[in-house]
Amino acid sequence: MHRDGATLRGIVAEFAGLFRTPTSAFQVHVGLPSPQTALLAYRGLRNRLSVLRALGAGSPYWHGRDSGLASAHSAIMRSYPRTTAPRTSDLDG
């Protein structure tokens, strides 16, 4: 999905501090032909999110120290707004 400059500037203004936090993430973006296809794909993968997260777990280290977590990145990302998977009920609207 393409966002225009004004929308992106608004998001950056709202979450500016968070965007400066290094998370060392790897993302894969997949284009799908329609919103309906995207919802079907999401629903099909939703019950496998924990496995995908485990496979993509980052380092347990944060600023050179062991965080005690399997993935420091996952804990940091959960603290950010709008970063969790939407509830299935949110997708029906």
PDB file of N, CA and C in Angstrom:
ATOM      1  N   MET A   1       0.845  -1.164   0.000  1.00  0.00           N
ATOM      2  CA  MET A   1       0.000   0.000   0.000  1.00  0.00           C
ATOM      3  C   MET A   1       0.895   1.234   0.000  1.00  0.00           C
ATOM      4  N   HIS A   2       0.608   2.143  -0.843  1.00  0.00           N
ATOM      5  CA  HIS A   2       1.395   3.365  -0.952  1.00  0.00           C
ATOM      6  C   HIS A   2       0.768   4.447  -0.088  1.00  0.00           C
ATOM      7  N   ARG A   3       1.587   5.159   0.650  1.00  0.00           N
ATOM      8  CA  ARG A   3       1.103   6.252   1.492  1.00  0.00           C
ATOM      9  C   ARG A   3       1.612   7.568   0.931  1.00  0.00           C
ATOM     10  N   ASP A   4       0.751   8.562   0.917  1.00  0.00           N
ATOM     11  CA  ASP A   4       1.193   9.856   0.413  1.00  0.00           C
ATOM     12  C   ASP A   4       2.059  10.548   1.458  1.00  0.00           C
ATOM     13  N   GLY A   5       2.718  11.591   1.045  1.00  0.00           N
ATOM     14  CA  GLY A   5       3.651  12.302   1.911  1.00  0.00           C
ATOM     15  C   GLY A   5       3.023  12.840   3.180  1.00  0.00           C
ATOM     16  N   ALA A   6       1.806  13.385   3.101  1.00  0.00           N
ATOM     17  CA  ALA A   6       1.159  13.963   4.281  1.00  0.00           C
ATOM     18  C   ALA A   6       0.856  12.885   5.318  1.00  0.00           C
ATOM     19  N   THR A   7       0.387  11.737   4.871  1.00  0.00           N
ATOM     20  CA  THR A   7       0.091  10.640   5.796  1.00  0.00           C
ATOM     21  C   THR A   7       1.360  10.177   6.487  1.00  0.00           C
ATOM     22  N   LEU A   8       2.408   9.958   5.719  1.00  0.00           N
ATOM     23  CA  LEU A   8       3.674   9.504   6.288  1.00  0.00           C
ATOM     24  C   LEU A   8       4.245  10.544   7.242  1.00  0.00           C
ATOM     25  N   ARG A   9       4.183  11.794   6.894  1.00  0.00           N
ATOM     26  CA  ARG A   9       4.678  12.854   7.786  1.00  0.00           C
ATOM     27  C   ARG A   9       3.904  12.863   9.104  1.00  0.00           C
ATOM     28  N   GLY A  10       2.603  12.621   9.057  1.00  0.00           N
ATOM     29  CA  GLY A  10       1.797  12.558  10.271  1.00  0.00           C
ATOM     30  C   GLY A  10       2.207  11.404  11.172  1.00  0.00           C
ATOM     31  N   ILE A  11       2.458  10.248  10.570  1.00  0.00           N
ATOM     32  CA  ILE A  11       2.893   9.076  11.338  1.00  0.00           C
ATOM     33  C   ILE A  11       4.259   9.336  11.960  1.00  0.00           C
ATOM     34  N   VAL A  12       5.169   9.903  11.187  1.00  0.00           N
ATOM     35  CA  VAL A  12       6.503  10.204  11.703  1.00  0.00           C
ATOM     36  C   VAL A  12       6.419  11.209  12.845  1.00  0.00           C
ATOM     37  N   ALA A  13       5.569  12.208  12.727  1.00  0.00           N
ATOM     38  CA  ALA A  13       5.421  13.195  13.798  1.00  0.00           C
ATOM     39  C   ALA A  13       4.862  12.546  15.065  1.00  0.00           C
ATOM     40  N   GLU A  14       3.922  11.618  14.905  1.00  0.00           N
ATOM     41  CA  GLU A  14       3.290  10.978  16.056  1.00  0.00           C
ATOM     42  C   GLU A  14       4.238  10.022  16.779  1.00  0.00           C
ATOM     43  N   PHE A  15       5.079   9.323  16.036  1.00  0.00           N
ATOM     44  CA  PHE A  15       5.935   8.289  16.626  1.00  0.00           C
ATOM     45  C   PHE A  15       7.422   8.557  16.433  1.00  0.00           C
ATOM     46  N   ALA A  16       7.800   9.812  16.336  1.00  0.00           N
ATOM     47  CA  ALA A  16       9.177  10.176  16.000  1.00  0.00           C
ATOM     48  C   ALA A  16      10.216   9.508  16.885  1.00  0.00           C
ATOM     49  N   GLY A  17      10.017   9.518  18.194  1.00  0.00           N
ATOM     50  CA  GLY A  17      10.988   8.910  19.094  1.00  0.00           C
ATOM     51  C   GLY A  17      11.152   7.427  18.863  1.00  0.00           C
ATOM     52  N   LEU A  18      10.064   6.759  18.581  1.00  0.00           N
ATOM     53  CA  LEU A  18      10.119   5.322  18.343  1.00  0.00           C
ATOM     54  C   LEU A  18      10.899   4.988  17.082  1.00  0.00           C
ATOM     55  N   PHE A  19      10.805   5.828  16.070  1.00  0.00           N
ATOM     56  CA  PHE A  19      11.509   5.553  14.820  1.00  0.00           C
ATOM     57  C   PHE A  19      13.017   5.708  14.969  1.00  0.00           C
ATOM     58  N   ARG A  20      13.451   6.338  16.034  1.00  0.00           N
ATOM     59  CA  ARG A  20      14.882   6.497  16.267  1.00  0.00           C
ATOM     60  C   ARG A  20      15.460   5.331  17.088  1.00  0.00           C
ATOM     61  N   THR A  21      14.615   4.431  17.565  1.00  0.00           N
ATOM     62  CA  THR A  21      15.071   3.288  18.356  1.00  0.00           C
ATOM     63  C   THR A  21      15.510   2.178  17.417  1.00  0.00           C
ATOM     64  N   PRO A  22      16.780   1.772  17.498  1.00  0.00           N
ATOM     65  CA  PRO A  22      17.239   0.700  16.591  1.00  0.00           C
ATOM     66  C   PRO A  22      16.632  -0.639  16.983  1.00  0.00           C
ATOM     67  N   THR A  23      16.025  -1.303  16.043  1.00  0.00           N
ATOM     68  CA  THR A  23      15.429  -2.602  16.319  1.00  0.00           C
ATOM     69  C   THR A  23      16.057  -3.730  15.503  1.00  0.00           C
ATOM     70  N   SER A  24      16.829  -3.408  14.496  1.00  0.00           N
ATOM     71  CA  SER A  24      17.490  -4.415  13.667  1.00  0.00           C
ATOM     72  C   SER A  24      16.511  -5.447  13.142  1.00  0.00           C
ATOM     73  N   ALA A  25      15.443  -4.993  12.554  1.00  0.00           N
ATOM     74  CA  ALA A  25      14.407  -5.894  12.065  1.00  0.00           C
ATOM     75  C   ALA A  25      14.641  -6.276  10.601  1.00  0.00           C
ATOM     76  N   PHE A  26      14.087  -7.404  10.246  1.00  0.00           N
ATOM     77  CA  PHE A  26      14.067  -7.853   8.863  1.00  0.00           C
ATOM     78  C   PHE A  26      12.606  -8.009   8.477  1.00  0.00           C
ATOM     79  N   GLN A  27      12.208  -7.383   7.410  1.00  0.00           N
ATOM     80  CA  GLN A  27      10.810  -7.441   6.996  1.00  0.00           C
ATOM     81  C   GLN A  27      10.700  -7.949   5.573  1.00  0.00           C
ATOM     82  N   VAL A  28       9.627  -8.652   5.318  1.00  0.00           N
ATOM     83  CA  VAL A  28       9.312  -9.090   3.969  1.00  0.00           C
ATOM     84  C   VAL A  28       7.927  -8.560   3.640  1.00  0.00           C
ATOM     85  N   HIS A  29       7.828  -7.850   2.559  1.00  0.00           N
ATOM     86  CA  HIS A  29       6.537  -7.320   2.126  1.00  0.00           C
ATOM     87  C   HIS A  29       6.094  -8.101   0.900  1.00  0.00           C
ATOM     88  N   VAL A  30       4.844  -8.518   0.908  1.00  0.00           N
ATOM     89  CA  VAL A  30       4.297  -9.323  -0.183  1.00  0.00           C
ATOM     90  C   VAL A  30       3.097  -8.598  -0.762  1.00  0.00           C
ATOM     91  N   GLY A  31       3.115  -8.373  -2.052  1.00  0.00           N
ATOM     92  CA  GLY A  31       1.983  -7.747  -2.710  1.00  0.00           C
ATOM     93  C   GLY A  31       0.931  -8.788  -3.070  1.00  0.00           C
ATOM     94  N   LEU A  32      -0.301  -8.484  -2.778  1.00  0.00           N
ATOM     95  CA  LEU A  32      -1.403  -9.381  -3.108  1.00  0.00           C
ATOM     96  C   LEU A  32      -2.387  -8.628  -4.007  1.00  0.00           C
ATOM     97  N   PRO A  33      -3.132  -9.353  -4.827  1.00  0.00           N
ATOM     98  CA  PRO A  33      -3.953  -8.696  -5.842  1.00  0.00           C
ATOM     99  C   PRO A  33      -5.159  -7.907  -5.329  1.00  0.00           C
ATOM    100  N   SER A  34      -5.615  -8.206  -4.101  1.00  0.00           N
ATOM    101  CA  SER A  34      -6.809  -7.506  -3.613  1.00  0.00           C
ATOM    102  C   SER A  34      -6.847  -7.532  -2.090  1.00  0.00           C
ATOM    103  N   PRO A  35      -7.611  -6.640  -1.489  1.00  0.00           N
ATOM    104  CA  PRO A  35      -7.766  -6.680  -0.032  1.00  0.00           C
ATOM    105  C   PRO A  35      -8.373  -8.004   0.450  1.00  0.00           C
ATOM    106  N   GLN A  36      -9.276  -8.561  -0.318  1.00  0.00           N
ATOM    107  CA  GLN A  36      -9.895  -9.831   0.063  1.00  0.00           C
ATOM    108  C   GLN A  36      -8.857 -10.956   0.101  1.00  0.00           C
ATOM    109  N   THR A  37      -7.959 -10.974  -0.880  1.00  0.00           N
ATOM    110  CA  THR A  37      -6.897 -11.972  -0.907  1.00  0.00           C
ATOM    111  C   THR A  37      -5.962 -11.780   0.278  1.00  0.00           C
ATOM    112  N   ALA A  38      -5.672 -10.530   0.627  1.00  0.00           N
ATOM    113  CA  ALA A  38      -4.807 -10.243   1.776  1.00  0.00           C
ATOM    114  C   ALA A  38      -5.434 -10.770   3.064  1.00  0.00           C
ATOM    115  N   LEU A  39      -6.741 -10.580   3.229  1.00  0.00           N
ATOM    116  CA  LEU A  39      -7.415 -11.080   4.426  1.00  0.00           C
ATOM    117  C   LEU A  39      -7.400 -12.603   4.482  1.00  0.00           C
ATOM    118  N   LEU A  40      -7.610 -13.253   3.350  1.00  0.00           N
ATOM    119  CA  LEU A  40      -7.543 -14.718   3.321  1.00  0.00           C
ATOM    120  C   LEU A  40      -6.147 -15.213   3.694  1.00  0.00           C
ATOM    121  N   ALA A  41      -5.121 -14.562   3.152  1.00  0.00           N
ATOM    122  CA  ALA A  41      -3.745 -14.954   3.467  1.00  0.00           C
ATOM    123  C   ALA A  41      -3.449 -14.721   4.942  1.00  0.00           C
ATOM    124  N   TYR A  42      -3.875 -13.571   5.462  1.00  0.00           N
ATOM    125  CA  TYR A  42      -3.651 -13.264   6.872  1.00  0.00           C
ATOM    126  C   TYR A  42      -4.323 -14.304   7.771  1.00  0.00           C
ATOM    127  N   ARG A  43      -5.571 -14.592   7.486  1.00  0.00           N
ATOM    128  CA  ARG A  43      -6.294 -15.571   8.308  1.00  0.00           C
ATOM    129  C   ARG A  43      -5.647 -16.952   8.234  1.00  0.00           C
ATOM    130  N   GLY A  44      -5.119 -17.294   7.070  1.00  0.00           N
ATOM    131  CA  GLY A  44      -4.442 -18.586   6.924  1.00  0.00           C
ATOM    132  C   GLY A  44      -3.127 -18.661   7.681  1.00  0.00           C
ATOM    133  N   LEU A  45      -2.438 -17.542   7.804  1.00  0.00           N
ATOM    134  CA  LEU A  45      -1.144 -17.523   8.490  1.00  0.00           C
ATOM    135  C   LEU A  45      -1.248 -17.201   9.975  1.00  0.00           C
ATOM    136  N   ARG A  46      -2.376 -16.655  10.394  1.00  0.00           N
ATOM    137  CA  ARG A  46      -2.515 -16.169  11.766  1.00  0.00           C
ATOM    138  C   ARG A  46      -2.159 -17.219  12.821  1.00  0.00           C
ATOM    139  N   ASN A  47      -2.581 -18.455  12.636  1.00  0.00           N
ATOM    140  CA  ASN A  47      -2.287 -19.477  13.641  1.00  0.00           C
ATOM    141  C   ASN A  47      -0.844 -19.958  13.572  1.00  0.00           C
ATOM    142  N   ARG A  48      -0.071 -19.431  12.649  1.00  0.00           N
ATOM    143  CA  ARG A  48       1.344 -19.789  12.538  1.00  0.00           C
ATOM    144  C   ARG A  48       2.266 -18.618  12.910  1.00  0.00           C
ATOM    145  N   LEU A  49       1.692 -17.535  13.420  1.00  0.00           N
ATOM    146  CA  LEU A  49       2.495 -16.359  13.741  1.00  0.00           C
ATOM    147  C   LEU A  49       3.568 -16.644  14.784  1.00  0.00           C
ATOM    148  N   SER A  50       3.269 -17.488  15.763  1.00  0.00           N
ATOM    149  CA  SER A  50       4.278 -17.778  16.797  1.00  0.00           C
ATOM    150  C   SER A  50       5.482 -18.503  16.188  1.00  0.00           C
ATOM    151  N   VAL A  51       5.235 -19.402  15.241  1.00  0.00           N
ATOM    152  CA  VAL A  51       6.341 -20.101  14.577  1.00  0.00           C
ATOM    153  C   VAL A  51       7.142 -19.127  13.725  1.00  0.00           C
ATOM    154  N   LEU A  52       6.452 -18.276  12.987  1.00  0.00           N
ATOM    155  CA  LEU A  52       7.154 -17.286  12.165  1.00  0.00           C
ATOM    156  C   LEU A  52       7.966 -16.335  13.039  1.00  0.00           C
ATOM    157  N   ARG A  53       7.404 -15.942  14.167  1.00  0.00           N
ATOM    158  CA  ARG A  53       8.135 -15.059  15.089  1.00  0.00           C
ATOM    159  C   ARG A  53       9.365 -15.773  15.638  1.00  0.00           C
ATOM    160  N   ALA A  54       9.227 -17.052  15.979  1.00  0.00           N
ATOM    161  CA  ALA A  54      10.365 -17.808  16.500  1.00  0.00           C
ATOM    162  C   ALA A  54      11.466 -17.930  15.456  1.00  0.00           C
ATOM    163  N   LEU A  55      11.076 -18.185  14.212  1.00  0.00           N
ATOM    164  CA  LEU A  55      12.063 -18.294  13.143  1.00  0.00           C
ATOM    165  C   LEU A  55      12.773 -16.970  12.895  1.00  0.00           C
ATOM    166  N   GLY A  56      12.049 -15.881  13.110  1.00  0.00           N
ATOM    167  CA  GLY A  56      12.625 -14.562  12.878  1.00  0.00           C
ATOM    168  C   GLY A  56      13.159 -13.894  14.121  1.00  0.00           C
ATOM    169  N   ALA A  57      13.240 -14.647  15.225  1.00  0.00           N
ATOM    170  CA  ALA A  57      13.689 -14.042  16.486  1.00  0.00           C
ATOM    171  C   ALA A  57      15.078 -13.452  16.317  1.00  0.00           C
ATOM    172  N   GLY A  58      15.201 -12.265  16.799  1.00  0.00           N
ATOM    173  CA  GLY A  58      16.493 -11.589  16.740  1.00  0.00           C
ATOM    174  C   GLY A  58      17.364 -12.014  17.907  1.00  0.00           C
ATOM    175  N   SER A  59      18.407 -11.324  18.062  1.00  0.00           N
ATOM    176  CA  SER A  59      19.371 -11.588  19.107  1.00  0.00           C
ATOM    177  C   SER A  59      18.792 -11.338  20.496  1.00  0.00           C
ATOM    178  N   PRO A  60      19.223 -12.114  21.475  1.00  0.00           N
ATOM    179  CA  PRO A  60      18.791 -11.843  22.841  1.00  0.00           C
ATOM    180  C   PRO A  60      19.538 -10.651  23.445  1.00  0.00           C
ATOM    181  N   TYR A  61      20.483 -10.102  22.698  1.00  0.00           N
ATOM    182  CA  TYR A  61      21.303  -9.021  23.234  1.00  0.00           C
ATOM    183  C   TYR A  61      20.714  -7.650  22.905  1.00  0.00           C
ATOM    184  N   TRP A  62      20.811  -6.751  23.862  1.00  0.00           N
ATOM    185  CA  TRP A  62      20.364  -5.369  23.687  1.00  0.00           C
ATOM    186  C   TRP A  62      21.480  -4.483  24.207  1.00  0.00           C
ATOM    187  N   HIS A  63      22.042  -3.679  23.333  1.00  0.00           N
ATOM    188  CA  HIS A  63      23.182  -2.811  23.655  1.00  0.00           C
ATOM    189  C   HIS A  63      24.346  -3.613  24.245  1.00  0.00           C
ATOM    190  N   GLY A  64      24.590  -4.787  23.649  1.00  0.00           N
ATOM    191  CA  GLY A  64      25.732  -5.596  24.044  1.00  0.00           C
ATOM    192  C   GLY A  64      25.560  -6.412  25.310  1.00  0.00           C
ATOM    193  N   ARG A  65      24.379  -6.406  25.903  1.00  0.00           N
ATOM    194  CA  ARG A  65      24.129  -7.171  27.122  1.00  0.00           C
ATOM    195  C   ARG A  65      22.997  -8.165  26.889  1.00  0.00           C
ATOM    196  N   ASP A  66      23.115  -9.316  27.521  1.00  0.00           N
ATOM    197  CA  ASP A  66      22.074 -10.334  27.398  1.00  0.00           C
ATOM    198  C   ASP A  66      20.797  -9.816  28.066  1.00  0.00           C
ATOM    199  N   SER A  67      19.714  -9.766  27.312  1.00  0.00           N
ATOM    200  CA  SER A  67      18.457  -9.238  27.830  1.00  0.00           C
ATOM    201  C   SER A  67      17.697 -10.273  28.667  1.00  0.00           C
ATOM    202  N   GLY A  68      18.101 -11.528  28.573  1.00  0.00           N
ATOM    203  CA  GLY A  68      17.362 -12.589  29.255  1.00  0.00           C
ATOM    204  C   GLY A  68      16.178 -13.081  28.435  1.00  0.00           C
ATOM    205  N   LEU A  69      16.009 -12.538  27.257  1.00  0.00           N
ATOM    206  CA  LEU A  69      14.905 -12.905  26.365  1.00  0.00           C
ATOM    207  C   LEU A  69      15.449 -13.632  25.144  1.00  0.00           C
ATOM    208  N   ALA A  70      14.610 -14.423  24.510  1.00  0.00           N
ATOM    209  CA  ALA A  70      15.022 -15.077  23.267  1.00  0.00           C
ATOM    210  C   ALA A  70      15.215 -14.032  22.167  1.00  0.00           C
ATOM    211  N   SER A  71      14.424 -12.971  22.223  1.00  0.00           N
ATOM    212  CA  SER A  71      14.504 -11.919  21.223  1.00  0.00           C
ATOM    213  C   SER A  71      14.210 -10.573  21.878  1.00  0.00           C
ATOM    214  N   ALA A  72      15.227  -9.766  22.056  1.00  0.00           N
ATOM    215  CA  ALA A  72      15.029  -8.427  22.610  1.00  0.00           C
ATOM    216  C   ALA A  72      14.161  -7.606  21.660  1.00  0.00           C
ATOM    217  N   HIS A  73      14.323  -7.821  20.375  1.00  0.00           N
ATOM    218  CA  HIS A  73      13.558  -7.084  19.367  1.00  0.00           C
ATOM    219  C   HIS A  73      12.058  -7.273  19.554  1.00  0.00           C
ATOM    220  N   SER A  74      11.620  -8.508  19.801  1.00  0.00           N
ATOM    221  CA  SER A  74      10.189  -8.777  19.959  1.00  0.00           C
ATOM    222  C   SER A  74       9.600  -8.019  21.135  1.00  0.00           C
ATOM    223  N   ALA A  75      10.327  -7.984  22.251  1.00  0.00           N
ATOM    224  CA  ALA A  75       9.841  -7.265  23.431  1.00  0.00           C
ATOM    225  C   ALA A  75       9.750  -5.766  23.162  1.00  0.00           C
ATOM    226  N   ILE A  76      10.718  -5.235  22.474  1.00  0.00           N
ATOM    227  CA  ILE A  76      10.713  -3.804  22.158  1.00  0.00           C
ATOM    228  C   ILE A  76       9.552  -3.484  21.222  1.00  0.00           C
ATOM    229  N   MET A  77       9.365  -4.291  20.198  1.00  0.00           N
ATOM    230  CA  MET A  77       8.310  -4.025  19.228  1.00  0.00           C
ATOM    231  C   MET A  77       6.920  -4.123  19.854  1.00  0.00           C
ATOM    232  N   ARG A  78       6.716  -5.033  20.799  1.00  0.00           N
ATOM    233  CA  ARG A  78       5.412  -5.144  21.454  1.00  0.00           C
ATOM    234  C   ARG A  78       5.054  -3.883  22.231  1.00  0.00           C
ATOM    235  N   SER A  79       6.066  -3.122  22.644  1.00  0.00           N
ATOM    236  CA  SER A  79       5.789  -1.907  23.407  1.00  0.00           C
ATOM    237  C   SER A  79       5.371  -0.747  22.501  1.00  0.00           C
ATOM    238  N   TYR A  80       5.544  -0.885  21.202  1.00  0.00           N
ATOM    239  CA  TYR A  80       5.180   0.172  20.262  1.00  0.00           C
ATOM    240  C   TYR A  80       3.694   0.088  19.921  1.00  0.00           C
ATOM    241  N   PRO A  81       3.065   1.224  19.685  1.00  0.00           N
ATOM    242  CA  PRO A  81       1.670   1.189  19.230  1.00  0.00           C
ATOM    243  C   PRO A  81       1.592   0.665  17.794  1.00  0.00           C
ATOM    244  N   ARG A  82       0.492   0.044  17.464  1.00  0.00           N
ATOM    245  CA  ARG A  82       0.192  -0.426  16.102  1.00  0.00           C
ATOM    246  C   ARG A  82       1.145  -1.487  15.577  1.00  0.00           C
ATOM    247  N   THR A  83       1.770  -2.264  16.434  1.00  0.00           N
ATOM    248  CA  THR A  83       2.717  -3.261  15.939  1.00  0.00           C
ATOM    249  C   THR A  83       2.284  -4.696  16.184  1.00  0.00           C
ATOM    250  N   THR A  84       1.175  -4.899  16.867  1.00  0.00           N
ATOM    251  CA  THR A  84       0.717  -6.264  17.098  1.00  0.00           C
ATOM    252  C   THR A  84      -0.219  -6.690  15.970  1.00  0.00           C
ATOM    253  N   ALA A  85      -0.441  -7.976  15.877  1.00  0.00           N
ATOM    254  CA  ALA A  85      -1.362  -8.487  14.866  1.00  0.00           C
ATOM    255  C   ALA A  85      -2.775  -8.067  15.220  1.00  0.00           C
ATOM    256  N   PRO A  86      -3.552  -7.605  14.254  1.00  0.00           N
ATOM    257  CA  PRO A  86      -4.929  -7.216  14.564  1.00  0.00           C
ATOM    258  C   PRO A  86      -5.762  -8.431  14.947  1.00  0.00           C
ATOM    259  N   ARG A  87      -6.734  -8.197  15.816  1.00  0.00           N
ATOM    260  CA  ARG A  87      -7.651  -9.282  16.179  1.00  0.00           C
ATOM    261  C   ARG A  87      -8.478  -9.649  14.950  1.00  0.00           C
ATOM    262  N   THR A  88      -8.829 -10.896  14.850  1.00  0.00           N
ATOM    263  CA  THR A  88      -9.631 -11.353  13.721  1.00  0.00           C
ATOM    264  C   THR A  88     -10.929 -10.570  13.623  1.00  0.00           C
ATOM    265  N   SER A  89     -11.532 -10.244  14.757  1.00  0.00           N
ATOM    266  CA  SER A  89     -12.790  -9.498  14.745  1.00  0.00           C
ATOM    267  C   SER A  89     -12.619  -8.103  14.146  1.00  0.00           C
ATOM    268  N   ASP A  90     -11.418  -7.536  14.221  1.00  0.00           N
ATOM    269  CA  ASP A  90     -11.159  -6.219  13.639  1.00  0.00           C
ATOM    270  C   ASP A  90     -11.130  -6.265  12.110  1.00  0.00           C
ATOM    271  N   LEU A  91     -10.960  -7.446  11.565  1.00  0.00           N
ATOM    272  CA  LEU A  91     -10.824  -7.582  10.109  1.00  0.00           C
ATOM    273  C   LEU A  91     -12.162  -7.783   9.416  1.00  0.00           C
ATOM    274  N   ASP A  92     -13.195  -8.028  10.174  1.00  0.00           N
ATOM    275  CA  ASP A  92     -14.504  -8.327   9.574  1.00  0.00           C
ATOM    276  C   ASP A  92     -15.275  -7.092   9.141  1.00  0.00           C
ATOM    277  N   GLY A  93     -14.853  -5.915   9.647  1.00  0.00           N
ATOM    278  CA  GLY A  93     -15.596  -4.697   9.372  1.00  0.00           C
ATOM    279  C   GLY A  93     -15.465  -4.244   7.997  1.00  0.00           C
TER     280      GLY A  93
END
